[in-house]
Amino acid sequence: MSQLQRTTTEKKFPIAAIIGLVLIFVVGLFVVGFDQGHIFSIVTGETAFEELFIHELTHDMRHAAGFPCH
């Protein structure tokens, strides 16, 4: 008689991949939910706070996600 052996496979995810995905999520959440010109202010200065390029680009996404923006 042969004895059946049950093999189990462990799924291991690289820690670096998990950290990378968390960072992408956090940056994306900031861009969609909270940016009021902060990102473009690095390049364009104070005018970014008046023009709000990313805010206007993600405006409908903000409302769909439940972020109040005005």
PDB file of N, CA and C in Angstrom:
ATOM      1  N   MET A   1       0.824  -1.177   0.000  1.00  0.00           N
ATOM      2  CA  MET A   1       0.000   0.000   0.000  1.00  0.00           C
ATOM      3  C   MET A   1       0.871   1.244   0.000  1.00  0.00           C
ATOM      4  N   SER A   2       0.441   2.206  -0.744  1.00  0.00           N
ATOM      5  CA  SER A   2       1.185   3.470  -0.743  1.00  0.00           C
ATOM      6  C   SER A   2       0.453   4.481   0.130  1.00  0.00           C
ATOM      7  N   GLN A   3       1.214   5.269   0.724  1.00  0.00           N
ATOM      8  CA  GLN A   3       0.637   6.262   1.622  1.00  0.00           C
ATOM      9  C   GLN A   3       0.536   7.597   0.872  1.00  0.00           C
ATOM     10  N   LEU A   4      -0.663   8.195   0.905  1.00  0.00           N
ATOM     11  CA  LEU A   4      -0.859   9.480   0.235  1.00  0.00           C
ATOM     12  C   LEU A   4      -0.352  10.601   1.131  1.00  0.00           C
ATOM     13  N   GLN A   5       0.377  11.474   0.526  1.00  0.00           N
ATOM     14  CA  GLN A   5       0.880  12.623   1.276  1.00  0.00           C
ATOM     15  C   GLN A   5       0.171  13.875   0.780  1.00  0.00           C
ATOM     16  N   ARG A   6      -0.269  14.645   1.702  1.00  0.00           N
ATOM     17  CA  ARG A   6      -0.916  15.900   1.345  1.00  0.00           C
ATOM     18  C   ARG A   6       0.162  16.982   1.297  1.00  0.00           C
ATOM     19  N   THR A   7       0.234  17.624   0.177  1.00  0.00           N
ATOM     20  CA  THR A   7       1.215  18.697   0.047  1.00  0.00           C
ATOM     21  C   THR A   7       0.491  20.033   0.137  1.00  0.00           C
ATOM     22  N   THR A   8       1.070  20.900   0.845  1.00  0.00           N
ATOM     23  CA  THR A   8       0.520  22.245   0.944  1.00  0.00           C
ATOM     24  C   THR A   8       1.531  23.212   0.367  1.00  0.00           C
ATOM     25  N   THR A   9       1.006  24.177  -0.305  1.00  0.00           N
ATOM     26  CA  THR A   9       1.880  25.203  -0.848  1.00  0.00           C
ATOM     27  C   THR A   9       1.592  26.496  -0.110  1.00  0.00           C
ATOM     28  N   GLU A  10       2.625  27.139   0.264  1.00  0.00           N
ATOM     29  CA  GLU A  10       2.486  28.423   0.937  1.00  0.00           C
ATOM     30  C   GLU A  10       2.672  29.522  -0.090  1.00  0.00           C
ATOM     31  N   LYS A  11       1.757  30.465  -0.060  1.00  0.00           N
ATOM     32  CA  LYS A  11       1.881  31.621  -0.947  1.00  0.00           C
ATOM     33  C   LYS A  11       2.574  32.722  -0.169  1.00  0.00           C
ATOM     34  N   LYS A  12       3.706  33.085  -0.656  1.00  0.00           N
ATOM     35  CA  LYS A  12       4.455  34.148  -0.007  1.00  0.00           C
ATOM     36  C   LYS A  12       4.551  35.324  -0.966  1.00  0.00           C
ATOM     37  N   PHE A  13       4.146  36.477  -0.473  1.00  0.00           N
ATOM     38  CA  PHE A  13       4.246  37.691  -1.263  1.00  0.00           C
ATOM     39  C   PHE A  13       5.468  38.468  -0.802  1.00  0.00           C
ATOM     40  N   PRO A  14       6.203  38.999  -1.739  1.00  0.00           N
ATOM     41  CA  PRO A  14       7.375  39.781  -1.348  1.00  0.00           C
ATOM     42  C   PRO A  14       6.954  41.024  -0.560  1.00  0.00           C
ATOM     43  N   ILE A  15       7.637  41.275   0.503  1.00  0.00           N
ATOM     44  CA  ILE A  15       7.342  42.440   1.350  1.00  0.00           C
ATOM     45  C   ILE A  15       7.483  43.735   0.548  1.00  0.00           C
ATOM     46  N   ALA A  16       8.459  43.787  -0.335  1.00  0.00           N
ATOM     47  CA  ALA A  16       8.665  45.000  -1.134  1.00  0.00           C
ATOM     48  C   ALA A  16       7.458  45.278  -2.030  1.00  0.00           C
ATOM     49  N   ALA A  17       6.824  44.246  -2.562  1.00  0.00           N
ATOM     50  CA  ALA A  17       5.649  44.436  -3.406  1.00  0.00           C
ATOM     51  C   ALA A  17       4.474  44.963  -2.602  1.00  0.00           C
ATOM     52  N   ILE A  18       4.295  44.454  -1.408  1.00  0.00           N
ATOM     53  CA  ILE A  18       3.208  44.925  -0.549  1.00  0.00           C
ATOM     54  C   ILE A  18       3.438  46.384  -0.157  1.00  0.00           C
ATOM     55  N   ILE A  19       4.655  46.720   0.213  1.00  0.00           N
ATOM     56  CA  ILE A  19       4.974  48.102   0.578  1.00  0.00           C
ATOM     57  C   ILE A  19       4.780  49.028  -0.615  1.00  0.00           C
ATOM     58  N   GLY A  20       5.187  48.569  -1.797  1.00  0.00           N
ATOM     59  CA  GLY A  20       5.002  49.372  -3.007  1.00  0.00           C
ATOM     60  C   GLY A  20       3.537  49.633  -3.316  1.00  0.00           C
ATOM     61  N   LEU A  21       2.707  48.608  -3.172  1.00  0.00           N
ATOM     62  CA  LEU A  21       1.276  48.788  -3.417  1.00  0.00           C
ATOM     63  C   LEU A  21       0.637  49.713  -2.394  1.00  0.00           C
ATOM     64  N   VAL A  22       1.063  49.628  -1.156  1.00  0.00           N
ATOM     65  CA  VAL A  22       0.535  50.529  -0.121  1.00  0.00           C
ATOM     66  C   VAL A  22       0.930  51.971  -0.430  1.00  0.00           C
ATOM     67  N   LEU A  23       2.162  52.186  -0.859  1.00  0.00           N
ATOM     68  CA  LEU A  23       2.595  53.536  -1.217  1.00  0.00           C
ATOM     69  C   LEU A  23       1.803  54.085  -2.400  1.00  0.00           C
ATOM     70  N   ILE A  24       1.568  53.253  -3.411  1.00  0.00           N
ATOM     71  CA  ILE A  24       0.770  53.684  -4.563  1.00  0.00           C
ATOM     72  C   ILE A  24      -0.645  54.041  -4.123  1.00  0.00           C
ATOM     73  N   PHE A  25      -1.221  53.249  -3.229  1.00  0.00           N
ATOM     74  CA  PHE A  25      -2.559  53.527  -2.729  1.00  0.00           C
ATOM     75  C   PHE A  25      -2.608  54.848  -1.967  1.00  0.00           C
ATOM     76  N   VAL A  26      -1.635  55.080  -1.099  1.00  0.00           N
ATOM     77  CA  VAL A  26      -1.622  56.302  -0.292  1.00  0.00           C
ATOM     78  C   VAL A  26      -1.442  57.537  -1.175  1.00  0.00           C
ATOM     79  N   VAL A  27      -0.532  57.483  -2.126  1.00  0.00           N
ATOM     80  CA  VAL A  27      -0.328  58.615  -3.033  1.00  0.00           C
ATOM     81  C   VAL A  27      -1.580  58.841  -3.876  1.00  0.00           C
ATOM     82  N   GLY A  28      -2.190  57.772  -4.378  1.00  0.00           N
ATOM     83  CA  GLY A  28      -3.415  57.912  -5.162  1.00  0.00           C
ATOM     84  C   GLY A  28      -4.554  58.487  -4.346  1.00  0.00           C
ATOM     85  N   LEU A  29      -4.680  58.073  -3.102  1.00  0.00           N
ATOM     86  CA  LEU A  29      -5.704  58.617  -2.219  1.00  0.00           C
ATOM     87  C   LEU A  29      -5.483  60.106  -1.988  1.00  0.00           C
ATOM     88  N   PHE A  30      -4.243  60.507  -1.801  1.00  0.00           N
ATOM     89  CA  PHE A  30      -3.944  61.922  -1.614  1.00  0.00           C
ATOM     90  C   PHE A  30      -4.294  62.717  -2.869  1.00  0.00           C
ATOM     91  N   VAL A  31      -3.894  62.203  -4.022  1.00  0.00           N
ATOM     92  CA  VAL A  31      -4.142  62.927  -5.272  1.00  0.00           C
ATOM     93  C   VAL A  31      -5.640  63.080  -5.525  1.00  0.00           C
ATOM     94  N   VAL A  32      -6.388  62.010  -5.373  1.00  0.00           N
ATOM     95  CA  VAL A  32      -7.817  62.064  -5.661  1.00  0.00           C
ATOM     96  C   VAL A  32      -8.585  62.805  -4.580  1.00  0.00           C
ATOM     97  N   GLY A  33      -8.235  62.573  -3.322  1.00  0.00           N
ATOM     98  CA  GLY A  33      -9.064  63.085  -2.251  1.00  0.00           C
ATOM     99  C   GLY A  33      -8.656  64.402  -1.637  1.00  0.00           C
ATOM    100  N   PHE A  34      -7.384  64.726  -1.620  1.00  0.00           N
ATOM    101  CA  PHE A  34      -6.963  65.855  -0.808  1.00  0.00           C
ATOM    102  C   PHE A  34      -6.139  66.914  -1.522  1.00  0.00           C
ATOM    103  N   ASP A  35      -5.666  66.642  -2.722  1.00  0.00           N
ATOM    104  CA  ASP A  35      -4.800  67.609  -3.387  1.00  0.00           C
ATOM    105  C   ASP A  35      -5.582  68.858  -3.785  1.00  0.00           C
ATOM    106  N   GLN A  36      -5.088  69.998  -3.378  1.00  0.00           N
ATOM    107  CA  GLN A  36      -5.675  71.290  -3.740  1.00  0.00           C
ATOM    108  C   GLN A  36      -4.601  72.172  -4.371  1.00  0.00           C
ATOM    109  N   GLY A  37      -3.785  71.572  -5.225  1.00  0.00           N
ATOM    110  CA  GLY A  37      -2.719  72.314  -5.879  1.00  0.00           C
ATOM    111  C   GLY A  37      -1.341  72.023  -5.331  1.00  0.00           C
ATOM    112  N   HIS A  38      -1.244  71.143  -4.354  1.00  0.00           N
ATOM    113  CA  HIS A  38       0.038  70.882  -3.706  1.00  0.00           C
ATOM    114  C   HIS A  38       1.059  70.247  -4.643  1.00  0.00           C
ATOM    115  N   ILE A  39       0.602  69.325  -5.484  1.00  0.00           N
ATOM    116  CA  ILE A  39       1.550  68.608  -6.344  1.00  0.00           C
ATOM    117  C   ILE A  39       2.146  69.529  -7.398  1.00  0.00           C
ATOM    118  N   PHE A  40       1.307  70.294  -8.084  1.00  0.00           N
ATOM    119  CA  PHE A  40       1.820  71.193  -9.123  1.00  0.00           C
ATOM    120  C   PHE A  40       2.492  72.436  -8.544  1.00  0.00           C
ATOM    121  N   SER A  41       2.293  72.720  -7.258  1.00  0.00           N
ATOM    122  CA  SER A  41       2.934  73.893  -6.681  1.00  0.00           C
ATOM    123  C   SER A  41       4.448  73.740  -6.635  1.00  0.00           C
ATOM    124  N   ILE A  42       4.920  72.508  -6.698  1.00  0.00           N
ATOM    125  CA  ILE A  42       6.368  72.269  -6.733  1.00  0.00           C
ATOM    126  C   ILE A  42       6.957  72.867  -8.007  1.00  0.00           C
ATOM    127  N   VAL A  43       6.194  72.789  -9.099  1.00  0.00           N
ATOM    128  CA  VAL A  43       6.678  73.265 -10.397  1.00  0.00           C
ATOM    129  C   VAL A  43       6.232  74.690 -10.689  1.00  0.00           C
ATOM    130  N   THR A  44       4.937  74.964 -10.492  1.00  0.00           N
ATOM    131  CA  THR A  44       4.396  76.257 -10.922  1.00  0.00           C
ATOM    132  C   THR A  44       4.290  77.289  -9.821  1.00  0.00           C
ATOM    133  N   GLY A  45       4.529  76.914  -8.597  1.00  0.00           N
ATOM    134  CA  GLY A  45       4.491  77.879  -7.502  1.00  0.00           C
ATOM    135  C   GLY A  45       3.074  78.150  -7.019  1.00  0.00           C
ATOM    136  N   GLU A  46       2.835  79.368  -6.584  1.00  0.00           N
ATOM    137  CA  GLU A  46       1.563  79.749  -5.973  1.00  0.00           C
ATOM    138  C   GLU A  46       0.376  79.687  -6.938  1.00  0.00           C
ATOM    139  N   THR A  47       0.608  79.773  -8.236  1.00  0.00           N
ATOM    140  CA  THR A  47      -0.513  79.740  -9.192  1.00  0.00           C
ATOM    141  C   THR A  47      -1.209  78.378  -9.202  1.00  0.00           C
ATOM    142  N   ALA A  48      -0.539  77.356  -8.763  1.00  0.00           N
ATOM    143  CA  ALA A  48      -1.148  76.020  -8.725  1.00  0.00           C
ATOM    144  C   ALA A  48      -2.316  75.978  -7.759  1.00  0.00           C
ATOM    145  N   PHE A  49      -2.264  76.773  -6.693  1.00  0.00           N
ATOM    146  CA  PHE A  49      -3.350  76.790  -5.719  1.00  0.00           C
ATOM    147  C   PHE A  49      -4.582  77.512  -6.259  1.00  0.00           C
ATOM    148  N   GLU A  50      -4.417  78.303  -7.293  1.00  0.00           N
ATOM    149  CA  GLU A  50      -5.546  78.993  -7.914  1.00  0.00           C
ATOM    150  C   GLU A  50      -6.118  78.195  -9.077  1.00  0.00           C
ATOM    151  N   GLU A  51      -5.255  77.509  -9.839  1.00  0.00           N
ATOM    152  CA  GLU A  51      -5.710  76.806 -11.042  1.00  0.00           C
ATOM    153  C   GLU A  51      -6.267  75.413 -10.749  1.00  0.00           C
ATOM    154  N   LEU A  52      -5.749  74.715  -9.762  1.00  0.00           N
ATOM    155  CA  LEU A  52      -6.259  73.417  -9.307  1.00  0.00           C
ATOM    156  C   LEU A  52      -6.439  72.403 -10.443  1.00  0.00           C
ATOM    157  N   PHE A  53      -5.385  72.152 -11.190  1.00  0.00           N
ATOM    158  CA  PHE A  53      -5.460  71.231 -12.331  1.00  0.00           C
ATOM    159  C   PHE A  53      -5.910  69.830 -11.917  1.00  0.00           C
ATOM    160  N   ILE A  54      -5.268  69.255 -10.919  1.00  0.00           N
ATOM    161  CA  ILE A  54      -5.595  67.879 -10.526  1.00  0.00           C
ATOM    162  C   ILE A  54      -6.978  67.826  -9.884  1.00  0.00           C
ATOM    163  N   HIS A  55      -7.338  68.874  -9.143  1.00  0.00           N
ATOM    164  CA  HIS A  55      -8.671  68.922  -8.545  1.00  0.00           C
ATOM    165  C   HIS A  55      -9.746  68.863  -9.629  1.00  0.00           C
ATOM    166  N   GLU A  56      -9.565  69.638 -10.666  1.00  0.00           N
ATOM    167  CA  GLU A  56     -10.554  69.642 -11.754  1.00  0.00           C
ATOM    168  C   GLU A  56     -10.540  68.322 -12.526  1.00  0.00           C
ATOM    169  N   LEU A  57      -9.378  67.713 -12.672  1.00  0.00           N
ATOM    170  CA  LEU A  57      -9.264  66.449 -13.384  1.00  0.00           C
ATOM    171  C   LEU A  57      -9.961  65.318 -12.625  1.00  0.00           C
ATOM    172  N   THR A  58      -9.867  65.326 -11.304  1.00  0.00           N
ATOM    173  CA  THR A  58     -10.425  64.243 -10.495  1.00  0.00           C
ATOM    174  C   THR A  58     -11.713  64.652  -9.785  1.00  0.00           C
ATOM    175  N   HIS A  59     -12.337  65.739 -10.215  1.00  0.00           N
ATOM    176  CA  HIS A  59     -13.501  66.294  -9.530  1.00  0.00           C
ATOM    177  C   HIS A  59     -14.643  65.283  -9.384  1.00  0.00           C
ATOM    178  N   ASP A  60     -15.043  64.654 -10.457  1.00  0.00           N
ATOM    179  CA  ASP A  60     -16.151  63.699 -10.398  1.00  0.00           C
ATOM    180  C   ASP A  60     -15.772  62.446  -9.611  1.00  0.00           C
ATOM    181  N   MET A  61     -14.507  62.046  -9.701  1.00  0.00           N
ATOM    182  CA  MET A  61     -14.045  60.894  -8.931  1.00  0.00           C
ATOM    183  C   MET A  61     -14.133  61.187  -7.434  1.00  0.00           C
ATOM    184  N   ARG A  62     -13.845  62.417  -7.055  1.00  0.00           N
ATOM    185  CA  ARG A  62     -13.942  62.806  -5.643  1.00  0.00           C
ATOM    186  C   ARG A  62     -15.361  62.644  -5.132  1.00  0.00           C
ATOM    187  N   HIS A  63     -16.317  63.143  -5.898  1.00  0.00           N
ATOM    188  CA  HIS A  63     -17.710  63.028  -5.468  1.00  0.00           C
ATOM    189  C   HIS A  63     -18.156  61.570  -5.415  1.00  0.00           C
ATOM    190  N   ALA A  64     -17.743  60.782  -6.387  1.00  0.00           N
ATOM    191  CA  ALA A  64     -18.122  59.356  -6.404  1.00  0.00           C
ATOM    192  C   ALA A  64     -17.524  58.614  -5.216  1.00  0.00           C
ATOM    193  N   ALA A  65     -16.338  59.033  -4.768  1.00  0.00           N
ATOM    194  CA  ALA A  65     -15.686  58.388  -3.634  1.00  0.00           C
ATOM    195  C   ALA A  65     -16.164  58.941  -2.297  1.00  0.00           C
ATOM    196  N   GLY A  66     -16.958  59.997  -2.334  1.00  0.00           N
ATOM    197  CA  GLY A  66     -17.495  60.559  -1.097  1.00  0.00           C
ATOM    198  C   GLY A  66     -16.689  61.678  -0.490  1.00  0.00           C
ATOM    199  N   PHE A  67     -15.729  62.229  -1.208  1.00  0.00           N
ATOM    200  CA  PHE A  67     -14.948  63.350  -0.706  1.00  0.00           C
ATOM    201  C   PHE A  67     -15.675  64.651  -1.021  1.00  0.00           C
ATOM    202  N   PRO A  68     -15.985  65.447  -0.023  1.00  0.00           N
ATOM    203  CA  PRO A  68     -16.549  66.773  -0.324  1.00  0.00           C
ATOM    204  C   PRO A  68     -15.437  67.702  -0.808  1.00  0.00           C
ATOM    205  N   CYS A  69     -15.688  68.460  -1.826  1.00  0.00           N
ATOM    206  CA  CYS A  69     -14.632  69.339  -2.313  1.00  0.00           C
ATOM    207  C   CYS A  69     -15.108  70.766  -2.541  1.00  0.00           C
ATOM    208  N   HIS A  70     -16.382  71.030  -2.350  1.00  0.00           N
ATOM    209  CA  HIS A  70     -16.850  72.424  -2.412  1.00  0.00           C
ATOM    210  C   HIS A  70     -18.162  72.545  -1.709  1.00  0.00           C
TER     211      HIS A  70
END
